[in-house]
Protein backbone atom coordinates (compact mmCIF):
# COMPACT_ATOMS: atom_id res chain seq x y z
CA MET A 1 20.30 28.39 32.81
CA SER A 2 21.79 29.68 29.63
CA LEU A 3 20.05 28.67 26.43
CA HIS A 4 22.22 27.33 23.66
CA LEU A 5 20.29 28.41 20.60
CA GLN A 6 21.08 27.75 16.99
CA TYR A 7 19.44 29.99 14.44
CA ILE A 8 18.29 28.78 11.07
CA THR A 9 18.51 31.41 8.38
CA ASP A 10 17.26 31.81 4.86
CA GLN A 11 19.50 32.40 1.83
CA LYS A 12 19.67 36.13 2.65
CA GLY A 13 20.80 35.48 6.23
CA ASN A 14 17.48 36.38 7.84
CA LYS A 15 16.74 34.34 10.95
CA ASN A 16 13.53 32.36 10.51
CA ALA A 17 13.76 29.54 13.06
CA VAL A 18 15.48 28.51 16.27
CA LEU A 19 16.88 25.15 17.21
CA LEU A 20 17.36 24.23 20.87
CA SER A 21 17.80 21.04 22.84
CA LEU A 22 14.82 19.05 24.00
CA ASN A 23 15.86 19.61 27.63
CA GLU A 24 15.85 23.37 27.10
CA TRP A 25 12.46 23.21 25.38
CA GLU A 26 10.99 21.17 28.26
CA LYS A 27 12.39 23.69 30.77
CA ILE A 28 10.71 26.53 28.85
CA GLN A 29 7.43 24.59 28.89
CA ARG A 30 7.68 24.03 32.67
CA ASP A 31 8.40 27.72 33.19
CA LEU A 32 5.38 28.67 31.08
CA ASP A 33 3.17 26.27 33.03
CA GLU A 34 4.38 27.79 36.31
CA TYR A 35 3.79 31.31 34.99
CA LYS A 36 0.21 30.37 34.03
CA ARG A 37 -0.39 28.81 37.45
CA LEU A 38 0.86 31.94 39.21
CA LYS A 39 -1.16 34.20 36.91
CA ASP A 40 -4.33 32.18 37.61
CA LYS A 41 -3.61 32.32 41.35
CA ARG A 42 -3.13 36.09 41.21
CA THR A 43 -6.38 36.52 39.27
CA PHE A 44 -8.20 34.43 41.88
CA PHE A 45 -6.87 36.52 44.78
CA GLU A 46 -7.67 39.78 43.00
CA GLY A 47 -11.26 38.59 42.55
CA LEU A 48 -11.44 37.54 46.19
CA THR A 49 -10.13 40.93 47.32
CA ASN A 50 -12.74 42.67 45.18
CA ALA A 51 -15.46 40.46 46.65
CA PHE A 52 -14.43 41.33 50.22
CA HIS A 53 -14.42 45.02 49.33
CA GLU A 54 -17.90 44.70 47.81
CA VAL A 55 -19.20 42.93 50.94
CA LYS A 56 -17.76 45.72 53.09
CA LEU A 57 -19.57 48.34 50.99
CA ILE A 58 -22.82 46.38 51.24
CA THR A 59 -22.57 46.02 55.03
CA GLU A 60 -21.85 49.75 55.31
CA GLY A 61 -24.97 50.47 53.26
CA LYS A 62 -22.94 52.09 50.48
CA LYS A 63 -23.88 49.51 47.87
CA LYS A 64 -27.01 47.54 47.12
CA PRO A 65 -26.44 43.77 47.01
CA ASN A 66 -26.94 41.97 43.72
CA SER A 67 -29.89 39.65 43.31
CA PHE A 68 -29.40 35.90 43.16
CA ASP A 69 -30.15 36.01 39.41
CA ASP A 70 -27.43 38.65 38.93
CA LEU A 71 -25.00 36.43 40.81
CA LEU A 72 -25.81 33.46 38.59
CA ASN A 73 -25.43 35.60 35.47
CA GLU A 74 -21.92 36.61 36.56
CA LEU A 75 -20.91 32.95 36.63
């Protein structure tokens, strides 16, 4: 999708605003929402991967498990 932008300029010709159609603005908003959803999903899976790695280290005796209080404090 190609955006059809109109620039609003001051008396010196400096661009200071952009005008676009409502449909284009709504498409940008949907894209931003999707980006946020994917970013949140990626963050979740990175945390899950780290948790699995930590459990592996604990089961191998290479790391001491956190106390229940420490777990609650992380939340």
